[in-house]
Amino acid sequence: MAEDDDFVVQDFLPFLLNRAAEDSSLAFQKQYKGRYGMLRTEWRVLFHLGIYERLTARDISLRAKIHKTKISRAVAKLAERRWITRSRDVADRRSEHLQLTAAGRGVYDDLRQQARIYDARLTERFDRAEIALLRRMLRQLANMEDSG
C-alpha cells in the first residue's frame, strides 16, 4: 500500500452499508427460510402484500427495487403454496392483481412478529435517538424520504 493512500475500505460507506445489510439480512433469513422455506424475494413480495394488501408485480418491483423476473418467480412459488391469489386486471389483461390468502396472511402475521423481535434485538445496543437517527439517515440514503 502506498504511504500516501489514506483510503480505508472498512470505512467506505458503501462497504459498511453492504456489510451491515448482508449480515443482518442473513441472520433474519433463518426466520423466513427456516420456518417457511422461503427465499429472500418471496418474503419481500409476501411482506409488500401484507402491508399494501393488493398490488401488481410491477408495483412491488417499483417499491422493493426487485427485478420483475425475480418477482415473477416469487409470485409463482407463493401462488403454488396458496399464500397469494392472482387475478387478471380487466383493463390490462397483461397485469395481475396479487393478494394474500388467509394462509398467506397467517404466514405474514407470524413473520411480521418475528421481524419485530429481530429488529428489537438488532437495535438494542442503541438508544431511541440513535435508532431514530439511523433509520432517518438510511431512508435518506435509500431515497425513501426527502433529505431536507
N, C-alpha and C. Protein backbone atom coordinates (compact mmCIF):
# COMPACT_ATOMS: atom_id res chain seq x y z
N MET A 1 0.85 -1.18 0.00
CA MET A 1 0.00 0.00 0.00
C MET A 1 0.89 1.24 0.00
N ALA A 2 0.54 2.20 -0.82
CA ALA A 2 1.29 3.45 -0.89
C ALA A 2 1.13 4.22 0.41
N GLU A 3 2.22 4.85 0.86
CA GLU A 3 2.19 5.58 2.13
C GLU A 3 1.19 6.72 2.14
N ASP A 4 0.96 7.36 1.00
CA ASP A 4 0.06 8.50 0.96
C ASP A 4 -1.40 8.10 0.70
N ASP A 5 -1.66 6.80 0.62
CA ASP A 5 -3.03 6.31 0.38
C ASP A 5 -3.72 6.14 1.73
N ASP A 6 -4.62 7.06 2.04
CA ASP A 6 -5.33 7.00 3.33
C ASP A 6 -6.73 6.40 3.19
N PHE A 7 -7.01 5.79 2.05
CA PHE A 7 -8.33 5.17 1.85
C PHE A 7 -8.40 3.86 2.63
N VAL A 8 -9.43 3.75 3.46
CA VAL A 8 -9.65 2.54 4.25
C VAL A 8 -10.99 1.95 3.83
N VAL A 9 -10.94 0.81 3.17
CA VAL A 9 -12.18 0.24 2.63
C VAL A 9 -13.18 -0.07 3.75
N GLN A 10 -12.71 -0.43 4.93
CA GLN A 10 -13.60 -0.73 6.05
C GLN A 10 -14.38 0.49 6.53
N ASP A 11 -13.96 1.69 6.13
CA ASP A 11 -14.67 2.92 6.47
C ASP A 11 -15.45 3.49 5.28
N PHE A 12 -15.34 2.85 4.12
CA PHE A 12 -16.03 3.28 2.91
C PHE A 12 -17.52 2.99 3.09
N LEU A 13 -18.34 4.01 3.02
CA LEU A 13 -19.76 3.89 3.34
C LEU A 13 -20.47 2.77 2.57
N PRO A 14 -20.31 2.65 1.25
CA PRO A 14 -20.96 1.53 0.56
C PRO A 14 -20.53 0.17 1.10
N PHE A 15 -19.26 0.04 1.47
CA PHE A 15 -18.78 -1.21 2.06
C PHE A 15 -19.48 -1.48 3.39
N LEU A 16 -19.54 -0.46 4.24
CA LEU A 16 -20.18 -0.61 5.55
C LEU A 16 -21.68 -0.93 5.42
N LEU A 17 -22.36 -0.21 4.51
CA LEU A 17 -23.79 -0.44 4.32
C LEU A 17 -24.05 -1.86 3.81
N ASN A 18 -23.24 -2.28 2.85
CA ASN A 18 -23.41 -3.63 2.30
C ASN A 18 -23.15 -4.69 3.36
N ARG A 19 -22.11 -4.49 4.13
CA ARG A 19 -21.76 -5.45 5.18
C ARG A 19 -22.86 -5.54 6.23
N ALA A 20 -23.35 -4.38 6.67
CA ALA A 20 -24.42 -4.37 7.67
C ALA A 20 -25.69 -4.99 7.10
N ALA A 21 -26.01 -4.67 5.86
CA ALA A 21 -27.22 -5.22 5.24
C ALA A 21 -27.10 -6.72 5.07
N GLU A 22 -25.97 -7.18 4.59
CA GLU A 22 -25.79 -8.61 4.34
C GLU A 22 -25.81 -9.40 5.65
N ASP A 23 -25.08 -8.92 6.65
CA ASP A 23 -25.05 -9.62 7.94
C ASP A 23 -26.43 -9.68 8.59
N SER A 24 -27.12 -8.54 8.60
CA SER A 24 -28.44 -8.52 9.25
C SER A 24 -29.47 -9.31 8.43
N SER A 25 -29.36 -9.26 7.12
CA SER A 25 -30.28 -9.99 6.26
C SER A 25 -30.11 -11.50 6.40
N LEU A 26 -28.86 -11.95 6.44
CA LEU A 26 -28.61 -13.38 6.57
C LEU A 26 -29.11 -13.92 7.91
N ALA A 27 -28.99 -13.13 8.95
CA ALA A 27 -29.48 -13.55 10.26
C ALA A 27 -31.01 -13.67 10.26
N PHE A 28 -31.69 -12.70 9.62
CA PHE A 28 -33.16 -12.78 9.57
C PHE A 28 -33.63 -13.88 8.62
N GLN A 29 -32.79 -14.21 7.64
CA GLN A 29 -33.15 -15.27 6.69
C GLN A 29 -33.45 -16.59 7.42
N LYS A 30 -32.81 -16.81 8.55
CA LYS A 30 -33.06 -18.03 9.33
C LYS A 30 -34.53 -18.13 9.71
N GLN A 31 -35.19 -16.98 9.91
CA GLN A 31 -36.60 -16.98 10.28
C GLN A 31 -37.48 -17.42 9.11
N TYR A 32 -37.41 -16.69 8.00
CA TYR A 32 -38.33 -16.99 6.90
C TYR A 32 -37.95 -18.25 6.14
N LYS A 33 -36.66 -18.55 6.05
CA LYS A 33 -36.26 -19.77 5.35
C LYS A 33 -36.44 -20.98 6.25
N GLY A 34 -36.05 -20.83 7.50
CA GLY A 34 -36.17 -21.94 8.45
C GLY A 34 -37.61 -22.30 8.76
N ARG A 35 -38.47 -21.31 8.91
CA ARG A 35 -39.87 -21.56 9.26
C ARG A 35 -40.73 -21.95 8.07
N TYR A 36 -40.45 -21.33 6.91
CA TYR A 36 -41.35 -21.49 5.76
C TYR A 36 -40.66 -21.88 4.47
N GLY A 37 -39.36 -22.05 4.47
CA GLY A 37 -38.64 -22.45 3.27
C GLY A 37 -38.65 -21.40 2.17
N MET A 38 -38.84 -20.15 2.53
CA MET A 38 -38.89 -19.07 1.54
C MET A 38 -37.51 -18.53 1.21
N LEU A 39 -37.40 -18.02 0.01
CA LEU A 39 -36.21 -17.28 -0.41
C LEU A 39 -36.44 -15.80 -0.14
N ARG A 40 -35.37 -15.01 -0.23
CA ARG A 40 -35.43 -13.58 0.09
C ARG A 40 -36.51 -12.83 -0.70
N THR A 41 -36.55 -13.05 -2.00
CA THR A 41 -37.54 -12.34 -2.82
C THR A 41 -38.96 -12.74 -2.45
N GLU A 42 -39.16 -14.00 -2.10
CA GLU A 42 -40.51 -14.46 -1.72
C GLU A 42 -40.99 -13.75 -0.46
N TRP A 43 -40.13 -13.65 0.55
CA TRP A 43 -40.61 -12.97 1.78
C TRP A 43 -40.81 -11.50 1.52
N ARG A 44 -40.02 -10.89 0.65
CA ARG A 44 -40.20 -9.46 0.36
C ARG A 44 -41.52 -9.22 -0.38
N VAL A 45 -41.86 -10.10 -1.31
CA VAL A 45 -43.15 -10.00 -2.01
C VAL A 45 -44.28 -10.20 -1.01
N LEU A 46 -44.15 -11.23 -0.17
CA LEU A 46 -45.17 -11.51 0.84
C LEU A 46 -45.37 -10.30 1.76
N PHE A 47 -44.29 -9.67 2.20
CA PHE A 47 -44.39 -8.52 3.09
C PHE A 47 -45.04 -7.33 2.41
N HIS A 48 -44.73 -7.10 1.16
CA HIS A 48 -45.37 -5.99 0.46
C HIS A 48 -46.87 -6.22 0.35
N LEU A 49 -47.27 -7.44 0.09
CA LEU A 49 -48.71 -7.73 0.01
C LEU A 49 -49.35 -7.66 1.39
N GLY A 50 -48.62 -8.04 2.42
CA GLY A 50 -49.14 -7.93 3.77
C GLY A 50 -49.36 -6.49 4.18
N ILE A 51 -48.49 -5.62 3.73
CA ILE A 51 -48.57 -4.20 4.09
C ILE A 51 -49.59 -3.47 3.22
N TYR A 52 -49.52 -3.68 1.91
CA TYR A 52 -50.33 -2.89 0.97
C TYR A 52 -51.58 -3.61 0.47
N GLU A 53 -51.71 -4.88 0.82
CA GLU A 53 -52.88 -5.71 0.54
C GLU A 53 -53.06 -6.13 -0.90
N ARG A 54 -53.12 -5.22 -1.84
CA ARG A 54 -53.38 -5.58 -3.24
C ARG A 54 -52.45 -4.79 -4.14
N LEU A 55 -51.55 -5.51 -4.82
CA LEU A 55 -50.57 -4.87 -5.70
C LEU A 55 -50.39 -5.71 -6.96
N THR A 56 -49.80 -5.10 -7.97
CA THR A 56 -49.35 -5.84 -9.13
C THR A 56 -47.86 -6.15 -8.94
N ALA A 57 -47.35 -7.05 -9.74
CA ALA A 57 -45.92 -7.36 -9.68
C ALA A 57 -45.11 -6.10 -10.00
N ARG A 58 -45.60 -5.29 -10.91
CA ARG A 58 -44.91 -4.05 -11.26
C ARG A 58 -44.87 -3.11 -10.05
N ASP A 59 -45.97 -3.00 -9.32
CA ASP A 59 -46.00 -2.17 -8.10
C ASP A 59 -44.92 -2.63 -7.12
N ILE A 60 -44.84 -3.93 -6.93
CA ILE A 60 -43.86 -4.48 -5.98
C ILE A 60 -42.45 -4.21 -6.48
N SER A 61 -42.23 -4.39 -7.77
CA SER A 61 -40.93 -4.14 -8.36
C SER A 61 -40.47 -2.71 -8.11
N LEU A 62 -41.37 -1.77 -8.30
CA LEU A 62 -41.02 -0.36 -8.09
C LEU A 62 -40.79 -0.05 -6.62
N ARG A 63 -41.62 -0.59 -5.75
CA ARG A 63 -41.49 -0.30 -4.32
C ARG A 63 -40.27 -0.97 -3.70
N ALA A 64 -40.02 -2.23 -4.09
CA ALA A 64 -38.97 -3.02 -3.45
C ALA A 64 -37.65 -2.99 -4.19
N LYS A 65 -37.64 -2.40 -5.39
CA LYS A 65 -36.42 -2.36 -6.20
C LYS A 65 -35.92 -3.78 -6.50
N ILE A 66 -36.84 -4.63 -6.94
CA ILE A 66 -36.53 -6.01 -7.32
C ILE A 66 -36.87 -6.17 -8.79
N HIS A 67 -36.01 -6.85 -9.53
CA HIS A 67 -36.25 -7.06 -10.96
C HIS A 67 -37.51 -7.90 -11.16
N LYS A 68 -38.26 -7.58 -12.21
CA LYS A 68 -39.56 -8.22 -12.45
C LYS A 68 -39.47 -9.73 -12.65
N THR A 69 -38.36 -10.23 -13.20
CA THR A 69 -38.27 -11.69 -13.37
C THR A 69 -38.15 -12.39 -12.02
N LYS A 70 -37.44 -11.80 -11.09
CA LYS A 70 -37.35 -12.38 -9.74
C LYS A 70 -38.71 -12.36 -9.06
N ILE A 71 -39.45 -11.27 -9.26
CA ILE A 71 -40.79 -11.17 -8.67
C ILE A 71 -41.70 -12.23 -9.28
N SER A 72 -41.61 -12.41 -10.57
CA SER A 72 -42.43 -13.41 -11.26
C SER A 72 -42.20 -14.80 -10.68
N ARG A 73 -40.96 -15.16 -10.44
CA ARG A 73 -40.65 -16.48 -9.85
C ARG A 73 -41.18 -16.56 -8.42
N ALA A 74 -41.02 -15.49 -7.66
CA ALA A 74 -41.51 -15.49 -6.28
C ALA A 74 -43.03 -15.60 -6.24
N VAL A 75 -43.71 -14.88 -7.13
CA VAL A 75 -45.17 -14.94 -7.20
C VAL A 75 -45.62 -16.35 -7.53
N ALA A 76 -44.94 -17.00 -8.46
CA ALA A 76 -45.30 -18.38 -8.83
C ALA A 76 -45.16 -19.32 -7.63
N LYS A 77 -44.09 -19.17 -6.87
CA LYS A 77 -43.88 -20.02 -5.69
C LYS A 77 -44.93 -19.75 -4.61
N LEU A 78 -45.21 -18.47 -4.37
CA LEU A 78 -46.20 -18.13 -3.35
C LEU A 78 -47.60 -18.59 -3.75
N ALA A 79 -47.91 -18.49 -5.03
CA ALA A 79 -49.22 -18.96 -5.52
C ALA A 79 -49.30 -20.48 -5.43
N GLU A 80 -48.21 -21.16 -5.74
CA GLU A 80 -48.15 -22.62 -5.64
C GLU A 80 -48.43 -23.09 -4.21
N ARG A 81 -47.97 -22.33 -3.25
CA ARG A 81 -48.19 -22.66 -1.83
C ARG A 81 -49.56 -22.18 -1.34
N ARG A 82 -50.27 -21.52 -2.21
CA ARG A 82 -51.60 -20.97 -1.90
C ARG A 82 -51.54 -19.89 -0.83
N TRP A 83 -50.48 -19.10 -0.89
CA TRP A 83 -50.33 -17.97 0.03
C TRP A 83 -50.78 -16.67 -0.61
N ILE A 84 -50.90 -16.66 -1.95
CA ILE A 84 -51.40 -15.48 -2.65
C ILE A 84 -52.38 -15.91 -3.74
N THR A 85 -53.23 -14.97 -4.10
CA THR A 85 -54.11 -15.18 -5.25
C THR A 85 -53.69 -14.20 -6.34
N ARG A 86 -53.99 -14.59 -7.58
CA ARG A 86 -53.68 -13.76 -8.74
C ARG A 86 -54.97 -13.57 -9.52
N SER A 87 -55.30 -12.33 -9.83
CA SER A 87 -56.48 -12.08 -10.65
C SER A 87 -56.13 -11.08 -11.75
N ARG A 88 -56.57 -11.39 -12.94
CA ARG A 88 -56.28 -10.53 -14.10
C ARG A 88 -56.95 -9.17 -13.95
N ASP A 89 -56.23 -8.15 -14.38
CA ASP A 89 -56.77 -6.80 -14.42
C ASP A 89 -57.67 -6.71 -15.65
N VAL A 90 -58.93 -6.34 -15.46
CA VAL A 90 -59.86 -6.28 -16.58
C VAL A 90 -59.47 -5.21 -17.59
N ALA A 91 -58.82 -4.15 -17.15
CA ALA A 91 -58.41 -3.07 -18.06
C ALA A 91 -57.13 -3.42 -18.81
N ASP A 92 -56.25 -4.20 -18.18
CA ASP A 92 -54.98 -4.57 -18.80
C ASP A 92 -54.74 -6.05 -18.56
N ARG A 93 -55.08 -6.86 -19.53
CA ARG A 93 -55.01 -8.32 -19.39
C ARG A 93 -53.59 -8.84 -19.14
N ARG A 94 -52.59 -8.02 -19.38
CA ARG A 94 -51.21 -8.44 -19.12
C ARG A 94 -50.86 -8.33 -17.64
N SER A 95 -51.65 -7.64 -16.88
CA SER A 95 -51.36 -7.35 -15.49
C SER A 95 -52.23 -8.19 -14.56
N GLU A 96 -51.66 -8.61 -13.44
CA GLU A 96 -52.40 -9.37 -12.43
C GLU A 96 -52.37 -8.62 -11.10
N HIS A 97 -53.48 -8.68 -10.39
CA HIS A 97 -53.53 -8.15 -9.03
C HIS A 97 -53.22 -9.30 -8.09
N LEU A 98 -52.35 -9.03 -7.13
CA LEU A 98 -51.91 -10.05 -6.18
C LEU A 98 -52.43 -9.69 -4.80
N GLN A 99 -52.88 -10.72 -4.08
CA GLN A 99 -53.35 -10.53 -2.70
C GLN A 99 -53.01 -11.77 -1.89
N LEU A 100 -52.86 -11.57 -0.58
CA LEU A 100 -52.63 -12.70 0.31
C LEU A 100 -53.92 -13.49 0.50
N THR A 101 -53.78 -14.81 0.61
CA THR A 101 -54.90 -15.65 1.02
C THR A 101 -54.92 -15.64 2.55
N ALA A 102 -55.88 -16.31 3.15
CA ALA A 102 -55.91 -16.41 4.62
C ALA A 102 -54.64 -17.10 5.13
N ALA A 103 -54.22 -18.15 4.43
CA ALA A 103 -52.99 -18.85 4.83
C ALA A 103 -51.78 -17.92 4.68
N GLY A 104 -51.74 -17.17 3.59
CA GLY A 104 -50.66 -16.22 3.37
C GLY A 104 -50.64 -15.13 4.43
N ARG A 105 -51.82 -14.69 4.84
CA ARG A 105 -51.93 -13.68 5.90
C ARG A 105 -51.38 -14.25 7.20
N GLY A 106 -51.63 -15.52 7.47
CA GLY A 106 -51.09 -16.15 8.67
C GLY A 106 -49.57 -16.20 8.66
N VAL A 107 -48.99 -16.55 7.51
CA VAL A 107 -47.54 -16.56 7.37
C VAL A 107 -46.99 -15.15 7.56
N TYR A 108 -47.62 -14.18 6.91
CA TYR A 108 -47.20 -12.79 7.04
C TYR A 108 -47.26 -12.33 8.50
N ASP A 109 -48.37 -12.60 9.18
CA ASP A 109 -48.52 -12.18 10.57
C ASP A 109 -47.43 -12.79 11.45
N ASP A 110 -47.14 -14.07 11.24
CA ASP A 110 -46.09 -14.74 12.01
C ASP A 110 -44.73 -14.10 11.74
N LEU A 111 -44.39 -13.94 10.46
CA LEU A 111 -43.09 -13.37 10.12
C LEU A 111 -42.97 -11.90 10.50
N ARG A 112 -44.08 -11.18 10.46
CA ARG A 112 -44.06 -9.77 10.90
C ARG A 112 -43.69 -9.72 12.37
N GLN A 113 -44.25 -10.61 13.18
CA GLN A 113 -43.91 -10.65 14.60
C GLN A 113 -42.45 -11.03 14.80
N GLN A 114 -41.97 -12.00 14.03
CA GLN A 114 -40.57 -12.38 14.10
C GLN A 114 -39.66 -11.23 13.69
N ALA A 115 -40.09 -10.46 12.68
CA ALA A 115 -39.31 -9.30 12.22
C ALA A 115 -39.24 -8.24 13.31
N ARG A 116 -40.34 -8.03 14.02
CA ARG A 116 -40.34 -7.05 15.12
C ARG A 116 -39.35 -7.46 16.21
N ILE A 117 -39.37 -8.74 16.56
CA ILE A 117 -38.46 -9.25 17.58
C ILE A 117 -37.01 -9.10 17.12
N TYR A 118 -36.77 -9.47 15.87
CA TYR A 118 -35.41 -9.38 15.32
C TYR A 118 -34.94 -7.92 15.27
N ASP A 119 -35.82 -7.03 14.84
CA ASP A 119 -35.48 -5.61 14.77
C ASP A 119 -35.13 -5.07 16.16
N ALA A 120 -35.89 -5.47 17.16
CA ALA A 120 -35.61 -5.02 18.53
C ALA A 120 -34.24 -5.53 18.99
N ARG A 121 -33.93 -6.78 18.68
CA ARG A 121 -32.63 -7.34 19.05
C ARG A 121 -31.49 -6.62 18.31
N LEU A 122 -31.73 -6.33 17.05
CA LEU A 122 -30.72 -5.67 16.22
C LEU A 122 -30.40 -4.27 16.72
N THR A 123 -31.38 -3.59 17.26
CA THR A 123 -31.19 -2.20 17.69
C THR A 123 -31.00 -2.03 19.20
N GLU A 124 -30.94 -3.12 19.95
CA GLU A 124 -30.89 -3.00 21.41
C GLU A 124 -29.62 -2.31 21.93
N ARG A 125 -28.58 -2.25 21.14
CA ARG A 125 -27.34 -1.60 21.59
C ARG A 125 -27.38 -0.08 21.42
N PHE A 126 -28.45 0.42 20.80
CA PHE A 126 -28.59 1.86 20.56
C PHE A 126 -29.71 2.44 21.42
N ASP A 127 -29.61 3.74 21.72
CA ASP A 127 -30.72 4.39 22.42
C ASP A 127 -31.76 4.84 21.39
N ARG A 128 -32.90 5.29 21.87
CA ARG A 128 -34.01 5.67 20.97
C ARG A 128 -33.62 6.73 19.95
N ALA A 129 -32.87 7.73 20.40
CA ALA A 129 -32.46 8.82 19.50
C ALA A 129 -31.53 8.28 18.40
N GLU A 130 -30.62 7.40 18.77
CA GLU A 130 -29.71 6.82 17.78
C GLU A 130 -30.47 5.97 16.76
N ILE A 131 -31.44 5.20 17.24
CA ILE A 131 -32.25 4.36 16.35
C ILE A 131 -33.02 5.24 15.37
N ALA A 132 -33.65 6.29 15.88
CA ALA A 132 -34.42 7.19 15.01
C ALA A 132 -33.50 7.85 13.98
N LEU A 133 -32.32 8.29 14.42
CA LEU A 133 -31.37 8.92 13.51
C LEU A 133 -30.88 7.92 12.46
N LEU A 134 -30.55 6.72 12.87
CA LEU A 134 -30.10 5.70 11.94
C LEU A 134 -31.16 5.40 10.88
N ARG A 135 -32.40 5.22 11.32
CA ARG A 135 -33.49 4.94 10.38
C ARG A 135 -33.69 6.12 9.42
N ARG A 136 -33.64 7.33 9.94
CA ARG A 136 -33.83 8.52 9.09
C ARG A 136 -32.72 8.63 8.06
N MET A 137 -31.49 8.44 8.48
CA MET A 137 -30.36 8.55 7.56
C MET A 137 -30.40 7.44 6.50
N LEU A 138 -30.74 6.24 6.89
CA LEU A 138 -30.82 5.14 5.92
C LEU A 138 -31.96 5.37 4.92
N ARG A 139 -33.09 5.90 5.39
CA ARG A 139 -34.18 6.24 4.47
C ARG A 139 -33.72 7.30 3.46
N GLN A 140 -32.97 8.27 3.94
CA GLN A 140 -32.47 9.32 3.04
C GLN A 140 -31.51 8.71 2.01
N LEU A 141 -30.60 7.86 2.45
CA LEU A 141 -29.68 7.23 1.52
C LEU A 141 -30.40 6.35 0.51
N ALA A 142 -31.50 5.75 0.93
CA ALA A 142 -32.29 4.89 0.05
C ALA A 142 -33.31 5.70 -0.76
N ASN A 143 -33.25 7.02 -0.66
CA ASN A 143 -34.21 7.91 -1.35
C ASN A 143 -35.65 7.57 -1.02
N MET A 144 -35.89 7.23 0.24
CA MET A 144 -37.24 6.89 0.69
C MET A 144 -37.92 8.08 1.36
N GLU A 145 -37.19 9.16 1.58
CA GLU A 145 -37.78 10.39 2.11
C GLU A 145 -36.91 11.55 1.72
N ASP A 146 -37.47 12.72 1.77
CA ASP A 146 -36.71 13.92 1.43
C ASP A 146 -35.62 14.14 2.47
N SER A 147 -34.50 14.62 2.03
CA SER A 147 -33.39 14.86 2.95
C SER A 147 -33.47 16.22 3.64
N GLY A 148 -34.40 17.08 3.19
CA GLY A 148 -34.46 18.42 3.77
C GLY A 148 -35.58 18.67 4.64
